[in-house]
mmCIF file of all heavy atoms, coordinates in Angstrom:
data_MODEL
# 
_entry.id   MODEL 
# 
loop_
_atom_site.group_PDB 
_atom_site.id 
_atom_site.type_symbol 
_atom_site.label_atom_id 
_atom_site.label_alt_id 
_atom_site.label_comp_id 
_atom_site.label_asym_id 
_atom_site.label_entity_id 
_atom_site.label_seq_id 
_atom_site.pdbx_PDB_ins_code 
_atom_site.Cartn_x 
_atom_site.Cartn_y 
_atom_site.Cartn_z 
_atom_site.occupancy 
_atom_site.B_iso_or_equiv 
_atom_site.pdbx_formal_charge 
_atom_site.auth_seq_id 
_atom_site.auth_comp_id 
_atom_site.auth_asym_id 
_atom_site.auth_atom_id 
_atom_site.pdbx_PDB_model_num 
ATOM 1   N N   . LEU A 1 1  ? 5.523   5.867   -3.888  1.00 0.00 ? 1  LEU A N   1 
ATOM 2   C CA  . LEU A 1 1  ? 5.754   7.316   -3.853  1.00 0.00 ? 1  LEU A CA  1 
ATOM 3   C C   . LEU A 1 1  ? 6.531   7.713   -2.599  1.00 0.00 ? 1  LEU A C   1 
ATOM 4   O O   . LEU A 1 1  ? 7.428   8.551   -2.663  1.00 0.00 ? 1  LEU A O   1 
ATOM 5   C CB  . LEU A 1 1  ? 4.407   8.056   -3.919  1.00 0.00 ? 1  LEU A CB  1 
ATOM 6   C CG  . LEU A 1 1  ? 4.429   9.540   -4.229  1.00 0.00 ? 1  LEU A CG  1 
ATOM 7   C CD1 . LEU A 1 1  ? 5.118   9.822   -5.559  1.00 0.00 ? 1  LEU A CD1 1 
ATOM 8   C CD2 . LEU A 1 1  ? 3.019   10.094  -4.240  1.00 0.00 ? 1  LEU A CD2 1 
ATOM 9   N N   . THR A 1 2  ? 6.182   7.108   -1.479  1.00 0.00 ? 2  THR A N   1 
ATOM 10  C CA  . THR A 1 2  ? 6.909   7.351   -0.228  1.00 0.00 ? 2  THR A CA  1 
ATOM 11  C C   . THR A 1 2  ? 7.941   6.232   -0.087  1.00 0.00 ? 2  THR A C   1 
ATOM 12  O O   . THR A 1 2  ? 7.775   5.312   0.712   1.00 0.00 ? 2  THR A O   1 
ATOM 13  C CB  . THR A 1 2  ? 5.937   7.346   0.970   1.00 0.00 ? 2  THR A CB  1 
ATOM 14  O OG1 . THR A 1 2  ? 5.197   6.122   0.946   1.00 0.00 ? 2  THR A OG1 1 
ATOM 15  C CG2 . THR A 1 2  ? 4.986   8.522   0.920   1.00 0.00 ? 2  THR A CG2 1 
ATOM 16  N N   . LEU A 1 3  ? 8.979   6.332   -0.854  1.00 0.00 ? 3  LEU A N   1 
ATOM 17  C CA  . LEU A 1 3  ? 9.959   5.264   -1.043  1.00 0.00 ? 3  LEU A CA  1 
ATOM 18  C C   . LEU A 1 3  ? 10.500  4.671   0.256   1.00 0.00 ? 3  LEU A C   1 
ATOM 19  O O   . LEU A 1 3  ? 10.596  3.456   0.398   1.00 0.00 ? 3  LEU A O   1 
ATOM 20  C CB  . LEU A 1 3  ? 11.118  5.808   -1.889  1.00 0.00 ? 3  LEU A CB  1 
ATOM 21  C CG  . LEU A 1 3  ? 11.937  4.796   -2.656  1.00 0.00 ? 3  LEU A CG  1 
ATOM 22  C CD1 . LEU A 1 3  ? 11.077  3.869   -3.475  1.00 0.00 ? 3  LEU A CD1 1 
ATOM 23  C CD2 . LEU A 1 3  ? 12.938  5.509   -3.537  1.00 0.00 ? 3  LEU A CD2 1 
ATOM 24  N N   . ARG A 1 4  ? 10.856  5.514   1.218   1.00 0.00 ? 4  ARG A N   1 
ATOM 25  C CA  . ARG A 1 4  ? 11.451  5.030   2.464   1.00 0.00 ? 4  ARG A CA  1 
ATOM 26  C C   . ARG A 1 4  ? 10.424  4.399   3.397   1.00 0.00 ? 4  ARG A C   1 
ATOM 27  O O   . ARG A 1 4  ? 10.787  3.700   4.341   1.00 0.00 ? 4  ARG A O   1 
ATOM 28  C CB  . ARG A 1 4  ? 12.172  6.168   3.189   1.00 0.00 ? 4  ARG A CB  1 
ATOM 29  C CG  . ARG A 1 4  ? 13.435  6.584   2.484   1.00 0.00 ? 4  ARG A CG  1 
ATOM 30  C CD  . ARG A 1 4  ? 14.254  7.630   3.235   1.00 0.00 ? 4  ARG A CD  1 
ATOM 31  N NE  . ARG A 1 4  ? 13.876  7.880   4.605   1.00 0.00 ? 4  ARG A NE  1 
ATOM 32  C CZ  . ARG A 1 4  ? 13.490  9.069   5.058   1.00 0.00 ? 4  ARG A CZ  1 
ATOM 33  N NH1 . ARG A 1 4  ? 13.404  10.097  4.260   1.00 0.00 ? 4  ARG A NH1 1 
ATOM 34  N NH2 . ARG A 1 4  ? 13.191  9.217   6.329   1.00 0.00 ? 4  ARG A NH2 1 
ATOM 35  N N   . HIS A 1 5  ? 9.153   4.672   3.172   1.00 0.00 ? 5  HIS A N   1 
ATOM 36  C CA  . HIS A 1 5  ? 8.086   4.127   4.019   1.00 0.00 ? 5  HIS A CA  1 
ATOM 37  C C   . HIS A 1 5  ? 7.321   3.095   3.200   1.00 0.00 ? 5  HIS A C   1 
ATOM 38  O O   . HIS A 1 5  ? 6.421   3.439   2.442   1.00 0.00 ? 5  HIS A O   1 
ATOM 39  C CB  . HIS A 1 5  ? 7.170   5.243   4.517   1.00 0.00 ? 5  HIS A CB  1 
ATOM 40  C CG  . HIS A 1 5  ? 7.888   6.208   5.395   1.00 0.00 ? 5  HIS A CG  1 
ATOM 41  N ND1 . HIS A 1 5  ? 8.010   6.008   6.753   1.00 0.00 ? 5  HIS A ND1 1 
ATOM 42  C CD2 . HIS A 1 5  ? 8.554   7.340   5.119   1.00 0.00 ? 5  HIS A CD2 1 
ATOM 43  C CE1 . HIS A 1 5  ? 8.713   6.991   7.270   1.00 0.00 ? 5  HIS A CE1 1 
ATOM 44  N NE2 . HIS A 1 5  ? 9.061   7.813   6.295   1.00 0.00 ? 5  HIS A NE2 1 
ATOM 45  N N   . TYR A 1 6  ? 7.699   1.852   3.361   1.00 0.00 ? 6  TYR A N   1 
ATOM 46  C CA  . TYR A 1 6  ? 7.134   0.768   2.562   1.00 0.00 ? 6  TYR A CA  1 
ATOM 47  C C   . TYR A 1 6  ? 6.335   -0.176  3.457   1.00 0.00 ? 6  TYR A C   1 
ATOM 48  O O   . TYR A 1 6  ? 6.543   -0.207  4.681   1.00 0.00 ? 6  TYR A O   1 
ATOM 49  C CB  . TYR A 1 6  ? 8.251   0.000   1.839   1.00 0.00 ? 6  TYR A CB  1 
ATOM 50  C CG  . TYR A 1 6  ? 9.301   -0.546  2.769   1.00 0.00 ? 6  TYR A CG  1 
ATOM 51  C CD1 . TYR A 1 6  ? 9.174   -1.826  3.310   1.00 0.00 ? 6  TYR A CD1 1 
ATOM 52  C CD2 . TYR A 1 6  ? 10.405  0.217   3.140   1.00 0.00 ? 6  TYR A CD2 1 
ATOM 53  C CE1 . TYR A 1 6  ? 10.116  -2.326  4.186   1.00 0.00 ? 6  TYR A CE1 1 
ATOM 54  C CE2 . TYR A 1 6  ? 11.353  -0.280  4.018   1.00 0.00 ? 6  TYR A CE2 1 
ATOM 55  C CZ  . TYR A 1 6  ? 11.207  -1.552  4.533   1.00 0.00 ? 6  TYR A CZ  1 
ATOM 56  O OH  . TYR A 1 6  ? 12.141  -2.042  5.409   1.00 0.00 ? 6  TYR A OH  1 
ATOM 57  N N   . PRO A 1 7  ? 5.441   -0.958  2.869   1.00 0.00 ? 7  PRO A N   1 
ATOM 58  C CA  . PRO A 1 7  ? 4.673   -1.923  3.671   1.00 0.00 ? 7  PRO A CA  1 
ATOM 59  C C   . PRO A 1 7  ? 5.597   -2.969  4.291   1.00 0.00 ? 7  PRO A C   1 
ATOM 60  O O   . PRO A 1 7  ? 6.336   -3.655  3.591   1.00 0.00 ? 7  PRO A O   1 
ATOM 61  C CB  . PRO A 1 7  ? 3.727   -2.563  2.647   1.00 0.00 ? 7  PRO A CB  1 
ATOM 62  C CG  . PRO A 1 7  ? 3.645   -1.577  1.529   1.00 0.00 ? 7  PRO A CG  1 
ATOM 63  C CD  . PRO A 1 7  ? 4.994   -0.921  1.473   1.00 0.00 ? 7  PRO A CD  1 
ATOM 64  N N   . LYS A 1 8  ? 5.556   -3.066  5.623   1.00 0.00 ? 8  LYS A N   1 
ATOM 65  C CA  . LYS A 1 8  ? 6.409   -4.013  6.353   1.00 0.00 ? 8  LYS A CA  1 
ATOM 66  C C   . LYS A 1 8  ? 5.615   -5.210  6.871   1.00 0.00 ? 8  LYS A C   1 
ATOM 67  O O   . LYS A 1 8  ? 6.187   -6.095  7.495   1.00 0.00 ? 8  LYS A O   1 
ATOM 68  C CB  . LYS A 1 8  ? 7.085   -3.308  7.526   1.00 0.00 ? 8  LYS A CB  1 
ATOM 69  C CG  . LYS A 1 8  ? 8.037   -2.212  7.097   1.00 0.00 ? 8  LYS A CG  1 
ATOM 70  C CD  . LYS A 1 8  ? 8.608   -1.480  8.282   1.00 0.00 ? 8  LYS A CD  1 
ATOM 71  C CE  . LYS A 1 8  ? 9.464   -0.326  7.809   1.00 0.00 ? 8  LYS A CE  1 
ATOM 72  N NZ  . LYS A 1 8  ? 9.832   0.577   8.893   1.00 0.00 ? 8  LYS A NZ  1 
ATOM 73  N N   . CYS A 1 9  ? 4.317   -5.218  6.633   1.00 0.00 ? 9  CYS A N   1 
ATOM 74  C CA  . CYS A 1 9  ? 3.477   -6.325  7.086   1.00 0.00 ? 9  CYS A CA  1 
ATOM 75  C C   . CYS A 1 9  ? 2.415   -6.587  6.023   1.00 0.00 ? 9  CYS A C   1 
ATOM 76  O O   . CYS A 1 9  ? 2.157   -5.743  5.172   1.00 0.00 ? 9  CYS A O   1 
ATOM 77  C CB  . CYS A 1 9  ? 2.835   -5.999  8.436   1.00 0.00 ? 9  CYS A CB  1 
ATOM 78  S SG  . CYS A 1 9  ? 1.846   -4.482  8.430   1.00 0.00 ? 9  CYS A SG  1 
ATOM 79  N N   . ARG A 1 10 ? 1.821   -7.742  6.089   1.00 0.00 ? 10 ARG A N   1 
ATOM 80  C CA  . ARG A 1 10 ? 0.823   -8.111  5.061   1.00 0.00 ? 10 ARG A CA  1 
ATOM 81  C C   . ARG A 1 10 ? -0.374  -7.166  5.073   1.00 0.00 ? 10 ARG A C   1 
ATOM 82  O O   . ARG A 1 10 ? -0.929  -6.867  4.022   1.00 0.00 ? 10 ARG A O   1 
ATOM 83  C CB  . ARG A 1 10 ? 0.416   -9.570  5.183   1.00 0.00 ? 10 ARG A CB  1 
ATOM 84  C CG  . ARG A 1 10 ? -0.471  -9.903  6.343   1.00 0.00 ? 10 ARG A CG  1 
ATOM 85  C CD  . ARG A 1 10 ? -0.804  -11.383 6.453   1.00 0.00 ? 10 ARG A CD  1 
ATOM 86  N NE  . ARG A 1 10 ? 0.398   -12.080 6.827   1.00 0.00 ? 10 ARG A NE  1 
ATOM 87  C CZ  . ARG A 1 10 ? 0.775   -13.253 6.319   1.00 0.00 ? 10 ARG A CZ  1 
ATOM 88  N NH1 . ARG A 1 10 ? 0.021   -13.876 5.463   1.00 0.00 ? 10 ARG A NH1 1 
ATOM 89  N NH2 . ARG A 1 10 ? 1.893   -13.806 6.700   1.00 0.00 ? 10 ARG A NH2 1 
ATOM 90  N N   . GLU A 1 11 ? -0.763  -6.666  6.252   1.00 0.00 ? 11 GLU A N   1 
ATOM 91  C CA  . GLU A 1 11 ? -1.897  -5.745  6.328   1.00 0.00 ? 11 GLU A CA  1 
ATOM 92  C C   . GLU A 1 11 ? -1.605  -4.470  5.538   1.00 0.00 ? 11 GLU A C   1 
ATOM 93  O O   . GLU A 1 11 ? -2.467  -3.969  4.805   1.00 0.00 ? 11 GLU A O   1 
ATOM 94  C CB  . GLU A 1 11 ? -2.202  -5.420  7.795   1.00 0.00 ? 11 GLU A CB  1 
ATOM 95  C CG  . GLU A 1 11 ? -2.682  -6.597  8.619   1.00 0.00 ? 11 GLU A CG  1 
ATOM 96  C CD  . GLU A 1 11 ? -1.566  -7.514  9.149   1.00 0.00 ? 11 GLU A CD  1 
ATOM 97  O OE1 . GLU A 1 11 ? -0.369  -7.217  8.931   1.00 0.00 ? 11 GLU A OE1 1 
ATOM 98  O OE2 . GLU A 1 11 ? -1.904  -8.530  9.773   1.00 0.00 ? 11 GLU A OE2 1 
ATOM 99  N N   . ALA A 1 12 ? -0.406  -3.936  5.688   1.00 0.00 ? 12 ALA A N   1 
ATOM 100 C CA  . ALA A 1 12 ? -0.022  -2.713  4.969   1.00 0.00 ? 12 ALA A CA  1 
ATOM 101 C C   . ALA A 1 12 ? 0.043   -2.964  3.467   1.00 0.00 ? 12 ALA A C   1 
ATOM 102 O O   . ALA A 1 12 ? -0.366  -2.109  2.670   1.00 0.00 ? 12 ALA A O   1 
ATOM 103 C CB  . ALA A 1 12 ? 1.311   -2.190  5.488   1.00 0.00 ? 12 ALA A CB  1 
ATOM 104 N N   . ALA A 1 13 ? 0.539   -4.130  3.059   1.00 0.00 ? 13 ALA A N   1 
ATOM 105 C CA  . ALA A 1 13 ? 0.600   -4.454  1.630   1.00 0.00 ? 13 ALA A CA  1 
ATOM 106 C C   . ALA A 1 13 ? -0.805  -4.567  1.042   1.00 0.00 ? 13 ALA A C   1 
ATOM 107 O O   . ALA A 1 13 ? -1.067  -4.074  -0.064  1.00 0.00 ? 13 ALA A O   1 
ATOM 108 C CB  . ALA A 1 13 ? 1.376   -5.753  1.423   1.00 0.00 ? 13 ALA A CB  1 
ATOM 109 N N   . ILE A 1 14 ? -1.714  -5.167  1.779   1.00 0.00 ? 14 ILE A N   1 
ATOM 110 C CA  . ILE A 1 14 ? -3.101  -5.308  1.300   1.00 0.00 ? 14 ILE A CA  1 
ATOM 111 C C   . ILE A 1 14 ? -3.737  -3.937  1.118   1.00 0.00 ? 14 ILE A C   1 
ATOM 112 O O   . ILE A 1 14 ? -4.356  -3.658  0.085   1.00 0.00 ? 14 ILE A O   1 
ATOM 113 C CB  . ILE A 1 14 ? -3.932  -6.179  2.275   1.00 0.00 ? 14 ILE A CB  1 
ATOM 114 C CG1 . ILE A 1 14 ? -3.418  -7.623  2.264   1.00 0.00 ? 14 ILE A CG1 1 
ATOM 115 C CG2 . ILE A 1 14 ? -5.420  -6.122  1.930   1.00 0.00 ? 14 ILE A CG2 1 
ATOM 116 C CD1 . ILE A 1 14 ? -3.946  -8.472  3.428   1.00 0.00 ? 14 ILE A CD1 1 
ATOM 117 N N   . VAL A 1 15 ? -3.608  -3.061  2.115   1.00 0.00 ? 15 VAL A N   1 
ATOM 118 C CA  . VAL A 1 15 ? -4.215  -1.726  2.023   1.00 0.00 ? 15 VAL A CA  1 
ATOM 119 C C   . VAL A 1 15 ? -3.556  -0.915  0.907   1.00 0.00 ? 15 VAL A C   1 
ATOM 120 O O   . VAL A 1 15 ? -4.243  -0.193  0.173   1.00 0.00 ? 15 VAL A O   1 
ATOM 121 C CB  . VAL A 1 15 ? -4.163  -0.983  3.376   1.00 0.00 ? 15 VAL A CB  1 
ATOM 122 C CG1 . VAL A 1 15 ? -4.584  0.476   3.224   1.00 0.00 ? 15 VAL A CG1 1 
ATOM 123 C CG2 . VAL A 1 15 ? -5.058  -1.690  4.395   1.00 0.00 ? 15 VAL A CG2 1 
ATOM 124 N N   . CYS A 1 16 ? -2.270  -1.047  0.730   1.00 0.00 ? 16 CYS A N   1 
ATOM 125 C CA  . CYS A 1 16 ? -1.562  -0.337  -0.340  1.00 0.00 ? 16 CYS A CA  1 
ATOM 126 C C   . CYS A 1 16 ? -2.151  -0.718  -1.704  1.00 0.00 ? 16 CYS A C   1 
ATOM 127 O O   . CYS A 1 16 ? -2.441  0.149   -2.533  1.00 0.00 ? 16 CYS A O   1 
ATOM 128 C CB  . CYS A 1 16 ? -0.064  -0.667  -0.266  1.00 0.00 ? 16 CYS A CB  1 
ATOM 129 S SG  . CYS A 1 16 ? 0.976   0.293   -1.376  1.00 0.00 ? 16 CYS A SG  1 
ATOM 130 N N   . VAL A 1 17 ? -2.367  -2.001  -1.934  1.00 0.00 ? 17 VAL A N   1 
ATOM 131 C CA  . VAL A 1 17 ? -2.959  -2.479  -3.188  1.00 0.00 ? 17 VAL A CA  1 
ATOM 132 C C   . VAL A 1 17 ? -4.413  -2.031  -3.305  1.00 0.00 ? 17 VAL A C   1 
ATOM 133 O O   . VAL A 1 17 ? -4.841  -1.523  -4.344  1.00 0.00 ? 17 VAL A O   1 
ATOM 134 C CB  . VAL A 1 17 ? -2.849  -4.020  -3.294  1.00 0.00 ? 17 VAL A CB  1 
ATOM 135 C CG1 . VAL A 1 17 ? -3.691  -4.564  -4.434  1.00 0.00 ? 17 VAL A CG1 1 
ATOM 136 C CG2 . VAL A 1 17 ? -1.395  -4.438  -3.442  1.00 0.00 ? 17 VAL A CG2 1 
ATOM 137 N N   . ALA A 1 18 ? -5.179  -2.213  -2.230  1.00 0.00 ? 18 ALA A N   1 
ATOM 138 C CA  . ALA A 1 18 ? -6.601  -1.842  -2.247  1.00 0.00 ? 18 ALA A CA  1 
ATOM 139 C C   . ALA A 1 18 ? -6.781  -0.354  -2.508  1.00 0.00 ? 18 ALA A C   1 
ATOM 140 O O   . ALA A 1 18 ? -7.666  0.049   -3.270  1.00 0.00 ? 18 ALA A O   1 
ATOM 141 C CB  . ALA A 1 18 ? -7.258  -2.229  -0.920  1.00 0.00 ? 18 ALA A CB  1 
ATOM 142 N N   . ASP A 1 19 ? -5.934  0.471   -1.903  1.00 0.00 ? 19 ASP A N   1 
ATOM 143 C CA  . ASP A 1 19 ? -6.012  1.922   -2.089  1.00 0.00 ? 19 ASP A CA  1 
ATOM 144 C C   . ASP A 1 19 ? -5.819  2.288   -3.557  1.00 0.00 ? 19 ASP A C   1 
ATOM 145 O O   . ASP A 1 19 ? -6.556  3.106   -4.111  1.00 0.00 ? 19 ASP A O   1 
ATOM 146 C CB  . ASP A 1 19 ? -4.975  2.614   -1.210  1.00 0.00 ? 19 ASP A CB  1 
ATOM 147 C CG  . ASP A 1 19 ? -4.982  4.121   -1.366  1.00 0.00 ? 19 ASP A CG  1 
ATOM 148 O OD1 . ASP A 1 19 ? -6.066  4.735   -1.226  1.00 0.00 ? 19 ASP A OD1 1 
ATOM 149 O OD2 . ASP A 1 19 ? -3.908  4.695   -1.621  1.00 0.00 ? 19 ASP A OD2 1 
ATOM 150 N N   . LYS A 1 20 ? -4.845  1.687   -4.201  1.00 0.00 ? 20 LYS A N   1 
ATOM 151 C CA  . LYS A 1 20 ? -4.578  2.004   -5.607  1.00 0.00 ? 20 LYS A CA  1 
ATOM 152 C C   . LYS A 1 20 ? -5.725  1.542   -6.508  1.00 0.00 ? 20 LYS A C   1 
ATOM 153 O O   . LYS A 1 20 ? -6.159  2.279   -7.392  1.00 0.00 ? 20 LYS A O   1 
ATOM 154 C CB  . LYS A 1 20 ? -3.247  1.411   -6.034  1.00 0.00 ? 20 LYS A CB  1 
ATOM 155 C CG  . LYS A 1 20 ? -2.110  2.287   -5.500  1.00 0.00 ? 20 LYS A CG  1 
ATOM 156 C CD  . LYS A 1 20 ? -0.825  1.581   -5.306  1.00 0.00 ? 20 LYS A CD  1 
ATOM 157 C CE  . LYS A 1 20 ? 0.206   2.448   -4.648  1.00 0.00 ? 20 LYS A CE  1 
ATOM 158 N NZ  . LYS A 1 20 ? -0.158  2.991   -3.349  1.00 0.00 ? 20 LYS A NZ  1 
ATOM 159 N N   . CYS A 1 21 ? -6.248  0.354   -6.254  1.00 0.00 ? 21 CYS A N   1 
ATOM 160 C CA  . CYS A 1 21 ? -7.384  -0.152  -7.049  1.00 0.00 ? 21 CYS A CA  1 
ATOM 161 C C   . CYS A 1 21 ? -8.604  0.746   -6.881  1.00 0.00 ? 21 CYS A C   1 
ATOM 162 O O   . CYS A 1 21 ? -9.240  1.133   -7.868  1.00 0.00 ? 21 CYS A O   1 
ATOM 163 C CB  . CYS A 1 21 ? -7.725  -1.582  -6.634  1.00 0.00 ? 21 CYS A CB  1 
ATOM 164 S SG  . CYS A 1 21 ? -6.466  -2.798  -7.055  1.00 0.00 ? 21 CYS A SG  1 
ATOM 165 N N   . CYS A 1 22 ? -8.928  1.082   -5.636  1.00 0.00 ? 22 CYS A N   1 
ATOM 166 C CA  . CYS A 1 22 ? -10.099 1.928   -5.377  1.00 0.00 ? 22 CYS A CA  1 
ATOM 167 C C   . CYS A 1 22 ? -9.914  3.317   -5.969  1.00 0.00 ? 22 CYS A C   1 
ATOM 168 O O   . CYS A 1 22 ? -10.854 3.878   -6.554  1.00 0.00 ? 22 CYS A O   1 
ATOM 169 C CB  . CYS A 1 22 ? -10.366 2.025   -3.873  1.00 0.00 ? 22 CYS A CB  1 
ATOM 170 S SG  . CYS A 1 22 ? -10.937 0.481   -3.132  1.00 0.00 ? 22 CYS A SG  1 
ATOM 171 N N   . SER A 1 23 ? -8.718  3.879   -5.854  1.00 0.00 ? 23 SER A N   1 
ATOM 172 C CA  . SER A 1 23 ? -8.446  5.216   -6.390  1.00 0.00 ? 23 SER A CA  1 
ATOM 173 C C   . SER A 1 23 ? -8.688  5.259   -7.897  1.00 0.00 ? 23 SER A C   1 
ATOM 174 O O   . SER A 1 23 ? -9.314  6.194   -8.411  1.00 0.00 ? 23 SER A O   1 
ATOM 175 C CB  . SER A 1 23 ? -7.007  5.639   -6.081  1.00 0.00 ? 23 SER A CB  1 
ATOM 176 O OG  . SER A 1 23 ? -6.820  5.737   -4.700  1.00 0.00 ? 23 SER A OG  1 
ATOM 177 N N   . VAL A 1 24 ? -8.205  4.261   -8.595  1.00 0.00 ? 24 VAL A N   1 
ATOM 178 C CA  . VAL A 1 24 ? -8.399  4.202   -10.056 1.00 0.00 ? 24 VAL A CA  1 
ATOM 179 C C   . VAL A 1 24 ? -9.878  4.081   -10.381 1.00 0.00 ? 24 VAL A C   1 
ATOM 180 O O   . VAL A 1 24 ? -10.406 4.834   -11.213 1.00 0.00 ? 24 VAL A O   1 
ATOM 181 C CB  . VAL A 1 24 ? -7.589  3.041   -10.671 1.00 0.00 ? 24 VAL A CB  1 
ATOM 182 C CG1 . VAL A 1 24 ? -8.013  2.802   -12.114 1.00 0.00 ? 24 VAL A CG1 1 
ATOM 183 C CG2 . VAL A 1 24 ? -6.097  3.323   -10.581 1.00 0.00 ? 24 VAL A CG2 1 
# 
């Protein structure tokens, strides 16, 4: 959704995935 602000490290990618799973 925030296209220009993307995960640049593995920690950010993990939280991005976890956030979507938990939200659902």
